[in-house]
Amino acid sequence: MEPGTPGAEPTNWGSVFGGPAWEFDEKTGEYYLHLFSKKQPDLNWENP
């Protein structure tokens, strides 16, 4: 999929607040996860 296009999100999850749970970041060309608002990125608790 073309990064930044509809359906290209890493998973099909929806955000609790509406819309997708992923936000595309043009600077690095990747998406970050936000289960809530796009201004609330999820911390990665796998990282000690």
ModelCIF file with pLDDT and N, C-alpha, C, O atoms, coordinates in Angstrom:
data_MODEL
#
_entry.id   MODEL 
#
_entity.id                         1 
_entity.type                       polymer 
_entity.pdbx_number_of_molecules   1 
#
_entity_poly.entity_id                      1 
_entity_poly.type                           'polypeptide(L)' 
_entity_poly.nstd_linkage                   no 
_entity_poly.nstd_monomer                   no 
_entity_poly.pdbx_seq_one_letter_code       MEPGTPGAEPTNWGSVFGGPAWEFDEKTGEYYLHLFSKKQPDLNWENP 
_entity_poly.pdbx_seq_one_letter_code_can   MEPGTPGAEPTNWGSVFGGPAWEFDEKTGEYYLHLFSKKQPDLNWENP 
_entity_poly.pdbx_strand_id                 A 
#
loop_
_entity_poly_seq.entity_id 
_entity_poly_seq.num 
_entity_poly_seq.mon_id 
_entity_poly_seq.hetero 
1 1  MET n 
1 2  GLU n 
1 3  PRO n 
1 4  GLY n 
1 5  THR n 
1 6  PRO n 
1 7  GLY n 
1 8  ALA n 
1 9  GLU n 
1 10 PRO n 
1 11 THR n 
1 12 ASN n 
1 13 TRP n 
1 14 GLY n 
1 15 SER n 
1 16 VAL n 
1 17 PHE n 
1 18 GLY n 
1 19 GLY n 
1 20 PRO n 
1 21 ALA n 
1 22 TRP n 
1 23 GLU n 
1 24 PHE n 
1 25 ASP n 
1 26 GLU n 
1 27 LYS n 
1 28 THR n 
1 29 GLY n 
1 30 GLU n 
1 31 TYR n 
1 32 TYR n 
1 33 LEU n 
1 34 HIS n 
1 35 LEU n 
1 36 PHE n 
1 37 SER n 
1 38 LYS n 
1 39 LYS n 
1 40 GLN n 
1 41 PRO n 
1 42 ASP n 
1 43 LEU n 
1 44 ASN n 
1 45 TRP n 
1 46 GLU n 
1 47 ASN n 
1 48 PRO n 
#
_struct_asym.id          A 
_struct_asym.entity_id   1 
#
loop_
_ma_qa_metric.id 
_ma_qa_metric.mode 
_ma_qa_metric.name 
_ma_qa_metric.software_group_id 
_ma_qa_metric.type 
1 global pLDDT . pLDDT 
2 local  pLDDT . pLDDT 
#
_ma_qa_metric_global.metric_id      1 
_ma_qa_metric_global.metric_value   96.58 
_ma_qa_metric_global.model_id       1 
_ma_qa_metric_global.ordinal_id     1 
#
loop_
_ma_qa_metric_local.label_asym_id 
_ma_qa_metric_local.label_comp_id 
_ma_qa_metric_local.label_seq_id 
_ma_qa_metric_local.metric_id 
_ma_qa_metric_local.metric_value 
_ma_qa_metric_local.model_id 
_ma_qa_metric_local.ordinal_id 
A MET 1  2 97.00 1 1  
A GLU 2  2 96.00 1 2  
A PRO 3  2 96.00 1 3  
A GLY 4  2 96.00 1 4  
A THR 5  2 96.00 1 5  
A PRO 6  2 93.00 1 6  
A GLY 7  2 94.00 1 7  
A ALA 8  2 97.00 1 8  
A GLU 9  2 97.00 1 9  
A PRO 10 2 98.00 1 10 
A THR 11 2 98.00 1 11 
A ASN 12 2 97.00 1 12 
A TRP 13 2 98.00 1 13 
A GLY 14 2 96.00 1 14 
A SER 15 2 96.00 1 15 
A VAL 16 2 92.00 1 16 
A PHE 17 2 89.00 1 17 
A GLY 18 2 88.00 1 18 
A GLY 19 2 92.00 1 19 
A PRO 20 2 96.00 1 20 
A ALA 21 2 98.00 1 21 
A TRP 22 2 98.00 1 22 
A GLU 23 2 98.00 1 23 
A PHE 24 2 98.00 1 24 
A ASP 25 2 98.00 1 25 
A GLU 26 2 96.00 1 26 
A LYS 27 2 96.00 1 27 
A THR 28 2 97.00 1 28 
A GLY 29 2 97.00 1 29 
A GLU 30 2 98.00 1 30 
A TYR 31 2 98.00 1 31 
A TYR 32 2 98.00 1 32 
A LEU 33 2 98.00 1 33 
A HIS 34 2 98.00 1 34 
A LEU 35 2 98.00 1 35 
A PHE 36 2 97.00 1 36 
A SER 37 2 96.00 1 37 
A LYS 38 2 97.00 1 38 
A LYS 39 2 98.00 1 39 
A GLN 40 2 98.00 1 40 
A PRO 41 2 98.00 1 41 
A ASP 42 2 98.00 1 42 
A LEU 43 2 98.00 1 43 
A ASN 44 2 98.00 1 44 
A TRP 45 2 98.00 1 45 
A GLU 46 2 98.00 1 46 
A ASN 47 2 98.00 1 47 
A PRO 48 2 98.00 1 48 
#
loop_
_atom_site.group_PDB 
_atom_site.id 
_atom_site.type_symbol 
_atom_site.label_atom_id 
_atom_site.label_alt_id 
_atom_site.label_comp_id 
_atom_site.label_asym_id 
_atom_site.label_entity_id 
_atom_site.label_seq_id 
_atom_site.pdbx_PDB_ins_code 
_atom_site.Cartn_x 
_atom_site.Cartn_y 
_atom_site.Cartn_z 
_atom_site.occupancy 
_atom_site.B_iso_or_equiv 
_atom_site.pdbx_formal_charge 
_atom_site.auth_seq_id 
_atom_site.auth_comp_id 
_atom_site.auth_asym_id 
_atom_site.auth_atom_id 
_atom_site.pdbx_PDB_model_num 
ATOM 1   N N  . MET A 1 1  ? 0.841   -1.198 0.000  1.00 97.00 ? 1  MET A N  1 
ATOM 2   C CA . MET A 1 1  ? 0.000   0.000  0.000  1.00 97.00 ? 1  MET A CA 1 
ATOM 3   C C  . MET A 1 1  ? 0.877   1.250  0.000  1.00 97.00 ? 1  MET A C  1 
ATOM 4   O O  . MET A 1 1  ? 1.998   1.241  0.508  1.00 97.00 ? 1  MET A O  1 
ATOM 5   N N  . GLU A 1 2  ? 0.350   2.312  -0.574 1.00 96.00 ? 2  GLU A N  1 
ATOM 6   C CA . GLU A 1 2  ? 1.056   3.584  -0.608 1.00 96.00 ? 2  GLU A CA 1 
ATOM 7   C C  . GLU A 1 2  ? 0.944   4.256  0.757  1.00 96.00 ? 2  GLU A C  1 
ATOM 8   O O  . GLU A 1 2  ? -0.169  4.522  1.209  1.00 96.00 ? 2  GLU A O  1 
ATOM 9   N N  . PRO A 1 3  ? 2.059   4.539  1.425  1.00 96.00 ? 3  PRO A N  1 
ATOM 10  C CA . PRO A 1 3  ? 1.993   5.179  2.743  1.00 96.00 ? 3  PRO A CA 1 
ATOM 11  C C  . PRO A 1 3  ? 1.184   6.470  2.708  1.00 96.00 ? 3  PRO A C  1 
ATOM 12  O O  . PRO A 1 3  ? 1.329   7.283  1.795  1.00 96.00 ? 3  PRO A O  1 
ATOM 13  N N  . GLY A 1 4  ? 0.334   6.648  3.713  1.00 96.00 ? 4  GLY A N  1 
ATOM 14  C CA . GLY A 1 4  ? -0.466  7.857  3.817  1.00 96.00 ? 4  GLY A CA 1 
ATOM 15  C C  . GLY A 1 4  ? -1.799  7.815  3.105  1.00 96.00 ? 4  GLY A C  1 
ATOM 16  O O  . GLY A 1 4  ? -2.572  8.769  3.193  1.00 96.00 ? 4  GLY A O  1 
ATOM 17  N N  . THR A 1 5  ? -2.093  6.715  2.389  1.00 96.00 ? 5  THR A N  1 
ATOM 18  C CA . THR A 1 5  ? -3.371  6.608  1.681  1.00 96.00 ? 5  THR A CA 1 
ATOM 19  C C  . THR A 1 5  ? -4.358  5.810  2.518  1.00 96.00 ? 5  THR A C  1 
ATOM 20  O O  . THR A 1 5  ? -3.945  5.016  3.364  1.00 96.00 ? 5  THR A O  1 
ATOM 21  N N  . PRO A 1 6  ? -5.676  6.006  2.297  1.00 93.00 ? 6  PRO A N  1 
ATOM 22  C CA . PRO A 1 6  ? -6.678  5.269  3.068  1.00 93.00 ? 6  PRO A CA 1 
ATOM 23  C C  . PRO A 1 6  ? -6.496  3.756  2.929  1.00 93.00 ? 6  PRO A C  1 
ATOM 24  O O  . PRO A 1 6  ? -6.342  3.237  1.824  1.00 93.00 ? 6  PRO A O  1 
ATOM 25  N N  . GLY A 1 7  ? -6.516  3.072  4.045  1.00 94.00 ? 7  GLY A N  1 
ATOM 26  C CA . GLY A 1 7  ? -6.352  1.623  4.049  1.00 94.00 ? 7  GLY A CA 1 
ATOM 27  C C  . GLY A 1 7  ? -4.924  1.158  4.203  1.00 94.00 ? 7  GLY A C  1 
ATOM 28  O O  . GLY A 1 7  ? -4.670  -0.034 4.371  1.00 94.00 ? 7  GLY A O  1 
ATOM 29  N N  . ALA A 1 8  ? -3.978  2.097  4.145  1.00 97.00 ? 8  ALA A N  1 
ATOM 30  C CA . ALA A 1 8  ? -2.567  1.720  4.263  1.00 97.00 ? 8  ALA A CA 1 
ATOM 31  C C  . ALA A 1 8  ? -2.111  1.627  5.715  1.00 97.00 ? 8  ALA A C  1 
ATOM 32  O O  . ALA A 1 8  ? -0.966  1.264  5.984  1.00 97.00 ? 8  ALA A O  1 
ATOM 33  N N  . GLU A 1 9  ? -2.999  1.954  6.654  1.00 97.00 ? 9  GLU A N  1 
ATOM 34  C CA . GLU A 1 9  ? -2.631  1.901  8.070  1.00 97.00 ? 9  GLU A CA 1 
ATOM 35  C C  . GLU A 1 9  ? -2.157  0.492  8.430  1.00 97.00 ? 9  GLU A C  1 
ATOM 36  O O  . GLU A 1 9  ? -2.654  -0.481 7.863  1.00 97.00 ? 9  GLU A O  1 
ATOM 37  N N  . PRO A 1 10 ? -1.205  0.362  9.363  1.00 98.00 ? 10 PRO A N  1 
ATOM 38  C CA . PRO A 1 10 ? -0.635  -0.948 9.706  1.00 98.00 ? 10 PRO A CA 1 
ATOM 39  C C  . PRO A 1 10 ? -1.670  -1.973 10.168 1.00 98.00 ? 10 PRO A C  1 
ATOM 40  O O  . PRO A 1 10 ? -1.519  -3.162 9.887  1.00 98.00 ? 10 PRO A O  1 
ATOM 41  N N  . THR A 1 11 ? -2.713  -1.538 10.870 1.00 98.00 ? 11 THR A N  1 
ATOM 42  C CA . THR A 1 11 ? -3.850  -2.407 11.200 1.00 98.00 ? 11 THR A CA 1 
ATOM 43  C C  . THR A 1 11 ? -5.129  -1.643 10.888 1.00 98.00 ? 11 THR A C  1 
ATOM 44  O O  . THR A 1 11 ? -5.099  -0.443 10.614 1.00 98.00 ? 11 THR A O  1 
ATOM 45  N N  . ASN A 1 12 ? -6.250  -2.350 10.933 1.00 97.00 ? 12 ASN A N  1 
ATOM 46  C CA . ASN A 1 12 ? -7.535  -1.723 10.610 1.00 97.00 ? 12 ASN A CA 1 
ATOM 47  C C  . ASN A 1 12 ? -8.253  -1.183 11.841 1.00 97.00 ? 12 ASN A C  1 
ATOM 48  O O  . ASN A 1 12 ? -9.453  -0.915 11.788 1.00 97.00 ? 12 ASN A O  1 
ATOM 49  N N  . TRP A 1 13 ? -7.532  -1.020 12.950 1.00 98.00 ? 13 TRP A N  1 
ATOM 50  C CA . TRP A 1 13 ? -8.157  -0.575 14.198 1.00 98.00 ? 13 TRP A CA 1 
ATOM 51  C C  . TRP A 1 13 ? -8.734  0.832  14.071 1.00 98.00 ? 13 TRP A C  1 
ATOM 52  O O  . TRP A 1 13 ? -8.179  1.700  13.398 1.00 98.00 ? 13 TRP A O  1 
ATOM 53  N N  . GLY A 1 14 ? -9.864  1.022  14.741 1.00 96.00 ? 14 GLY A N  1 
ATOM 54  C CA . GLY A 1 14 ? -10.427 2.354  14.875 1.00 96.00 ? 14 GLY A CA 1 
ATOM 55  C C  . GLY A 1 14 ? -10.030 2.979  16.200 1.00 96.00 ? 14 GLY A C  1 
ATOM 56  O O  . GLY A 1 14 ? -9.783  2.280  17.183 1.00 96.00 ? 14 GLY A O  1 
ATOM 57  N N  . SER A 1 15 ? -9.973  4.294  16.215 1.00 96.00 ? 15 SER A N  1 
ATOM 58  C CA . SER A 1 15 ? -9.716  5.027  17.451 1.00 96.00 ? 15 SER A CA 1 
ATOM 59  C C  . SER A 1 15 ? -10.994 5.120  18.276 1.00 96.00 ? 15 SER A C  1 
ATOM 60  O O  . SER A 1 15 ? -12.093 5.161  17.724 1.00 96.00 ? 15 SER A O  1 
ATOM 61  N N  . VAL A 1 16 ? -10.848 5.154  19.585 1.00 92.00 ? 16 VAL A N  1 
ATOM 62  C CA . VAL A 1 16 ? -11.998 5.327  20.470 1.00 92.00 ? 16 VAL A CA 1 
ATOM 63  C C  . VAL A 1 16 ? -12.731 6.622  20.148 1.00 92.00 ? 16 VAL A C  1 
ATOM 64  O O  . VAL A 1 16 ? -13.946 6.710  20.323 1.00 92.00 ? 16 VAL A O  1 
ATOM 65  N N  . PHE A 1 17 ? -11.999 7.625  19.677 1.00 89.00 ? 17 PHE A N  1 
ATOM 66  C CA . PHE A 1 17 ? -12.581 8.940  19.413 1.00 89.00 ? 17 PHE A CA 1 
ATOM 67  C C  . PHE A 1 17 ? -13.014 9.122  17.959 1.00 89.00 ? 17 PHE A C  1 
ATOM 68  O O  . PHE A 1 17 ? -13.327 10.237 17.542 1.00 89.00 ? 17 PHE A O  1 
ATOM 69  N N  . GLY A 1 18 ? -13.033 8.047  17.194 1.00 88.00 ? 18 GLY A N  1 
ATOM 70  C CA . GLY A 1 18 ? -13.435 8.137  15.802 1.00 88.00 ? 18 GLY A CA 1 
ATOM 71  C C  . GLY A 1 18 ? -12.238 8.206  14.870 1.00 88.00 ? 18 GLY A C  1 
ATOM 72  O O  . GLY A 1 18 ? -11.189 8.736  15.238 1.00 88.00 ? 18 GLY A O  1 
ATOM 73  N N  . GLY A 1 19 ? -12.394 7.667  13.654 1.00 92.00 ? 19 GLY A N  1 
ATOM 74  C CA . GLY A 1 19 ? -11.295 7.640  12.701 1.00 92.00 ? 19 GLY A CA 1 
ATOM 75  C C  . GLY A 1 19 ? -10.358 6.482  12.972 1.00 92.00 ? 19 GLY A C  1 
ATOM 76  O O  . GLY A 1 19 ? -10.611 5.673  13.865 1.00 92.00 ? 19 GLY A O  1 
ATOM 77  N N  . PRO A 1 20 ? -9.258  6.392  12.199 1.00 96.00 ? 20 PRO A N  1 
ATOM 78  C CA . PRO A 1 20 ? -8.312  5.293  12.387 1.00 96.00 ? 20 PRO A CA 1 
ATOM 79  C C  . PRO A 1 20 ? -7.464  5.504  13.639 1.00 96.00 ? 20 PRO A C  1 
ATOM 80  O O  . PRO A 1 20 ? -7.320  6.624  14.131 1.00 96.00 ? 20 PRO A O  1 
ATOM 81  N N  . ALA A 1 21 ? -6.908  4.402  14.142 1.00 98.00 ? 21 ALA A N  1 
ATOM 82  C CA . ALA A 1 21 ? -6.049  4.445  15.334 1.00 98.00 ? 21 ALA A CA 1 
ATOM 83  C C  . ALA A 1 21 ? -4.593  4.692  14.971 1.00 98.00 ? 21 ALA A C  1 
ATOM 84  O O  . ALA A 1 21 ? -3.715  4.563  15.824 1.00 98.00 ? 21 ALA A O  1 
ATOM 85  N N  . TRP A 1 22 ? -4.326  5.042  13.726 1.00 98.00 ? 22 TRP A N  1 
ATOM 86  C CA . TRP A 1 22 ? -2.955  5.292  13.260 1.00 98.00 ? 22 TRP A CA 1 
ATOM 87  C C  . TRP A 1 22 ? -2.881  6.661  12.600 1.00 98.00 ? 22 TRP A C  1 
ATOM 88  O O  . TRP A 1 22 ? -3.810  7.078  11.909 1.00 98.00 ? 22 TRP A O  1 
ATOM 89  N N  . GLU A 1 23 ? -1.772  7.353  12.818 1.00 98.00 ? 23 GLU A N  1 
ATOM 90  C CA . GLU A 1 23 ? -1.531  8.647  12.184 1.00 98.00 ? 23 GLU A CA 1 
ATOM 91  C C  . GLU A 1 23 ? -0.229  8.577  11.389 1.00 98.00 ? 23 GLU A C  1 
ATOM 92  O O  . GLU A 1 23 ? 0.813   8.168  11.900 1.00 98.00 ? 23 GLU A O  1 
ATOM 93  N N  . PHE A 1 24 ? -0.322  8.985  10.132 1.00 98.00 ? 24 PHE A N  1 
ATOM 94  C CA . PHE A 1 24 ? 0.863   8.950  9.272  1.00 98.00 ? 24 PHE A CA 1 
ATOM 95  C C  . PHE A 1 24 ? 1.745   10.166 9.550  1.00 98.00 ? 24 PHE A C  1 
ATOM 96  O O  . PHE A 1 24 ? 1.266   11.298 9.620  1.00 98.00 ? 24 PHE A O  1 
ATOM 97  N N  . ASP A 1 25 ? 3.039   9.906  9.705  1.00 98.00 ? 25 ASP A N  1 
ATOM 98  C CA . ASP A 1 25 ? 4.017   10.962 9.939  1.00 98.00 ? 25 ASP A CA 1 
ATOM 99  C C  . ASP A 1 25 ? 4.879   11.102 8.684  1.00 98.00 ? 25 ASP A C  1 
ATOM 100 O O  . ASP A 1 25 ? 5.680   10.221 8.375  1.00 98.00 ? 25 ASP A O  1 
ATOM 101 N N  . GLU A 1 26 ? 4.712   12.199 7.972  1.00 96.00 ? 26 GLU A N  1 
ATOM 102 C CA . GLU A 1 26 ? 5.383   12.351 6.677  1.00 96.00 ? 26 GLU A CA 1 
ATOM 103 C C  . GLU A 1 26 ? 6.897   12.422 6.822  1.00 96.00 ? 26 GLU A C  1 
ATOM 104 O O  . GLU A 1 26 ? 7.622   11.975 5.933  1.00 96.00 ? 26 GLU A O  1 
ATOM 105 N N  . LYS A 1 27 ? 7.378   12.968 7.911  1.00 96.00 ? 27 LYS A N  1 
ATOM 106 C CA . LYS A 1 27 ? 8.816   13.166 8.048  1.00 96.00 ? 27 LYS A CA 1 
ATOM 107 C C  . LYS A 1 27 ? 9.578   11.842 7.990  1.00 96.00 ? 27 LYS A C  1 
ATOM 108 O O  . LYS A 1 27 ? 10.610  11.738 7.326  1.00 96.00 ? 27 LYS A O  1 
ATOM 109 N N  . THR A 1 28 ? 9.054   10.827 8.697  1.00 97.00 ? 28 THR A N  1 
ATOM 110 C CA . THR A 1 28 ? 9.763   9.537  8.721  1.00 97.00 ? 28 THR A CA 1 
ATOM 111 C C  . THR A 1 28 ? 9.069   8.477  7.874  1.00 97.00 ? 28 THR A C  1 
ATOM 112 O O  . THR A 1 28 ? 9.590   7.371  7.727  1.00 97.00 ? 28 THR A O  1 
ATOM 113 N N  . GLY A 1 29 ? 7.911   8.793  7.318  1.00 97.00 ? 29 GLY A N  1 
ATOM 114 C CA . GLY A 1 29 ? 7.236   7.860  6.423  1.00 97.00 ? 29 GLY A CA 1 
ATOM 115 C C  . GLY A 1 29 ? 6.609   6.674  7.135  1.00 97.00 ? 29 GLY A C  1 
ATOM 116 O O  . GLY A 1 29 ? 6.331   5.655  6.502  1.00 97.00 ? 29 GLY A O  1 
ATOM 117 N N  . GLU A 1 30 ? 6.379   6.787  8.449  1.00 98.00 ? 30 GLU A N  1 
ATOM 118 C CA . GLU A 1 30 ? 5.759   5.700  9.201  1.00 98.00 ? 30 GLU A CA 1 
ATOM 119 C C  . GLU A 1 30 ? 4.545   6.217  9.974  1.00 98.00 ? 30 GLU A C  1 
ATOM 120 O O  . GLU A 1 30 ? 4.300   7.419  10.069 1.00 98.00 ? 30 GLU A O  1 
ATOM 121 N N  . TYR A 1 31 ? 3.793   5.254  10.523 1.00 98.00 ? 31 TYR A N  1 
ATOM 122 C CA . TYR A 1 31 ? 2.600   5.560  11.298 1.00 98.00 ? 31 TYR A CA 1 
ATOM 123 C C  . TYR A 1 31 ? 2.879   5.349  12.783 1.00 98.00 ? 31 TYR A C  1 
ATOM 124 O O  . TYR A 1 31 ? 3.670   4.482  13.154 1.00 98.00 ? 31 TYR A O  1 
ATOM 125 N N  . TYR A 1 32 ? 2.227   6.144  13.629 1.00 98.00 ? 32 TYR A N  1 
ATOM 126 C CA . TYR A 1 32 ? 2.259   5.855  15.063 1.00 98.00 ? 32 TYR A CA 1 
ATOM 127 C C  . TYR A 1 32 ? 0.848   5.513  15.551 1.00 98.00 ? 32 TYR A C  1 
ATOM 128 O O  . TYR A 1 32 ? -0.146  6.015  15.028 1.00 98.00 ? 32 TYR A O  1 
ATOM 129 N N  . LEU A 1 33 ? 0.790   4.661  16.550 1.00 98.00 ? 33 LEU A N  1 
ATOM 130 C CA . LEU A 1 33 ? -0.475  4.178  17.097 1.00 98.00 ? 33 LEU A CA 1 
ATOM 131 C C  . LEU A 1 33 ? -1.027  5.170  18.112 1.00 98.00 ? 33 LEU A C  1 
ATOM 132 O O  . LEU A 1 33 ? -0.298  5.688  18.958 1.00 98.00 ? 33 LEU A O  1 
ATOM 133 N N  . HIS A 1 34 ? -2.333  5.426  18.011 1.00 98.00 ? 34 HIS A N  1 
ATOM 134 C CA . HIS A 1 34 ? -3.026  6.227  19.031 1.00 98.00 ? 34 HIS A CA 1 
ATOM 135 C C  . HIS A 1 34 ? -4.422  5.627  19.211 1.00 98.00 ? 34 HIS A C  1 
ATOM 136 O O  . HIS A 1 34 ? -5.299  5.820  18.369 1.00 98.00 ? 34 HIS A O  1 
ATOM 137 N N  . LEU A 1 35 ? -4.619  4.912  20.294 1.00 98.00 ? 35 LEU A N  1 
ATOM 138 C CA . LEU A 1 35 ? -5.928  4.311  20.529 1.00 98.00 ? 35 LEU A CA 1 
ATOM 139 C C  . LEU A 1 35 ? -6.988  5.375  20.786 1.00 98.00 ? 35 LEU A C  1 
ATOM 140 O O  . LEU A 1 35 ? -8.183  5.121  20.631 1.00 98.00 ? 35 LEU A O  1 
ATOM 141 N N  . PHE A 1 36 ? -6.550  6.563  21.179 1.00 97.00 ? 36 PHE A N  1 
ATOM 142 C CA . PHE A 1 36 ? -7.476  7.659  21.435 1.00 97.00 ? 36 PHE A CA 1 
ATOM 143 C C  . PHE A 1 36 ? -7.207  8.765  20.409 1.00 97.00 ? 36 PHE A C  1 
ATOM 144 O O  . PHE A 1 36 ? -7.174  8.472  19.214 1.00 97.00 ? 36 PHE A O  1 
ATOM 145 N N  . SER A 1 37 ? -7.017  9.985  20.814 1.00 96.00 ? 37 SER A N  1 
ATOM 146 C CA . SER A 1 37 ? -6.780  11.080 19.870 1.00 96.00 ? 37 SER A CA 1 
ATOM 147 C C  . SER A 1 37 ? -5.421  10.916 19.175 1.00 96.00 ? 37 SER A C  1 
ATOM 148 O O  . SER A 1 37 ? -4.515  10.270 19.702 1.00 96.00 ? 37 SER A O  1 
ATOM 149 N N  . LYS A 1 38 ? -5.297  11.514 17.982 1.00 97.00 ? 38 LYS A N  1 
ATOM 150 C CA . LYS A 1 38 ? -4.005  11.478 17.297 1.00 97.00 ? 38 LYS A CA 1 
ATOM 151 C C  . LYS A 1 38 ? -2.964  12.283 18.054 1.00 97.00 ? 38 LYS A C  1 
ATOM 152 O O  . LYS A 1 38 ? -1.772  12.178 17.764 1.00 97.00 ? 38 LYS A O  1 
ATOM 153 N N  . LYS A 1 39 ? -3.399  13.093 19.031 1.00 98.00 ? 39 LYS A N  1 
ATOM 154 C CA . LYS A 1 39 ? -2.464  13.801 19.886 1.00 98.00 ? 39 LYS A CA 1 
ATOM 155 C C  . LYS A 1 39 ? -2.164  13.025 21.169 1.00 98.00 ? 39 LYS A C  1 
ATOM 156 O O  . LYS A 1 39 ? -1.599  13.569 22.118 1.00 98.00 ? 39 LYS A O  1 
ATOM 157 N N  . GLN A 1 40 ? -2.552  11.739 21.184 1.00 98.00 ? 40 GLN A N  1 
ATOM 158 C CA . GLN A 1 40 ? -2.294  10.872 22.334 1.00 98.00 ? 40 GLN A CA 1 
ATOM 159 C C  . GLN A 1 40 ? -1.606  9.574  21.876 1.00 98.00 ? 40 GLN A C  1 
ATOM 160 O O  . GLN A 1 40 ? -2.216  8.507  21.937 1.00 98.00 ? 40 GLN A O  1 
ATOM 161 N N  . PRO A 1 41 ? -0.366  9.650  21.426 1.00 98.00 ? 41 PRO A N  1 
ATOM 162 C CA . PRO A 1 41 ? 0.328   8.449  20.950 1.00 98.00 ? 41 PRO A CA 1 
ATOM 163 C C  . PRO A 1 41 ? 0.551   7.442  22.084 1.00 98.00 ? 41 PRO A C  1 
ATOM 164 O O  . PRO A 1 41 ? 0.888   7.813  23.209 1.00 98.00 ? 41 PRO A O  1 
ATOM 165 N N  . ASP A 1 42 ? 0.357   6.171  21.761 1.00 98.00 ? 42 ASP A N  1 
ATOM 166 C CA . ASP A 1 42 ? 0.506   5.108  22.761 1.00 98.00 ? 42 ASP A CA 1 
ATOM 167 C C  . ASP A 1 42 ? 1.972   4.853  23.078 1.00 98.00 ? 42 ASP A C  1 
ATOM 168 O O  . ASP A 1 42 ? 2.803   4.706  22.181 1.00 98.00 ? 42 ASP A O  1 
ATOM 169 N N  . LEU A 1 43 ? 2.270   4.803  24.364 1.00 98.00 ? 43 LEU A N  1 
ATOM 170 C CA . LEU A 1 43 ? 3.612   4.429  24.809 1.00 98.00 ? 43 LEU A CA 1 
ATOM 171 C C  . LEU A 1 43 ? 3.826   2.938  24.599 1.00 98.00 ? 43 LEU A C  1 
ATOM 172 O O  . LEU A 1 43 ? 2.895   2.141  24.714 1.00 98.00 ? 43 LEU A O  1 
ATOM 173 N N  . ASN A 1 44 ? 5.051   2.577  24.294 1.00 98.00 ? 44 ASN A N  1 
ATOM 174 C CA . ASN A 1 44 ? 5.405   1.178  24.038 1.00 98.00 ? 44 ASN A CA 1 
ATOM 175 C C  . ASN A 1 44 ? 5.940   0.541  25.321 1.00 98.00 ? 44 ASN A C  1 
ATOM 176 O O  . ASN A 1 44 ? 7.127   0.647  25.631 1.00 98.00 ? 44 ASN A O  1 
ATOM 177 N N  . TRP A 1 45 ? 5.056   -0.116 26.056 1.00 98.00 ? 45 TRP A N  1 
ATOM 178 C CA . TRP A 1 45 ? 5.438   -0.736 27.319 1.00 98.00 ? 45 TRP A CA 1 
ATOM 179 C C  . TRP A 1 45 ? 6.316   -1.969 27.134 1.00 98.00 ? 45 TRP A C  1 
ATOM 180 O O  . TRP A 1 45 ? 6.839   -2.500 28.115 1.00 98.00 ? 45 TRP A O  1 
ATOM 181 N N  . GLU A 1 46 ? 6.486   -2.427 25.922 1.00 98.00 ? 46 GLU A N  1 
ATOM 182 C CA . GLU A 1 46 ? 7.422   -3.528 25.679 1.00 98.00 ? 46 GLU A CA 1 
ATOM 183 C C  . GLU A 1 46 ? 8.858   -3.074 25.936 1.00 98.00 ? 46 GLU A C  1 
ATOM 184 O O  . GLU A 1 46 ? 9.740   -3.894 26.196 1.00 98.00 ? 46 GLU A O  1 
ATOM 185 N N  . ASN A 1 47 ? 9.083   -1.770 25.861 1.00 98.00 ? 47 ASN A N  1 
ATOM 186 C CA . ASN A 1 47 ? 10.417  -1.198 26.052 1.00 98.00 ? 47 ASN A CA 1 
ATOM 187 C C  . ASN A 1 47 ? 10.667  -0.967 27.548 1.00 98.00 ? 47 ASN A C  1 
ATOM 188 O O  . ASN A 1 47 ? 9.969   -0.157 28.157 1.00 98.00 ? 47 ASN A O  1 
ATOM 189 N N  . PRO A 1 48 ? 11.642  -1.654 28.156 1.00 98.00 ? 48 PRO A N  1 
ATOM 190 C CA . PRO A 1 48 ? 11.881  -1.485 29.606 1.00 98.00 ? 48 PRO A CA 1 
ATOM 191 C C  . PRO A 1 48 ? 12.270  -0.069 29.992 1.00 98.00 ? 48 PRO A C  1 
ATOM 192 O O  . PRO A 1 48 ? 12.498  0.210  31.169 1.00 98.00 ? 48 PRO A O  1 
#
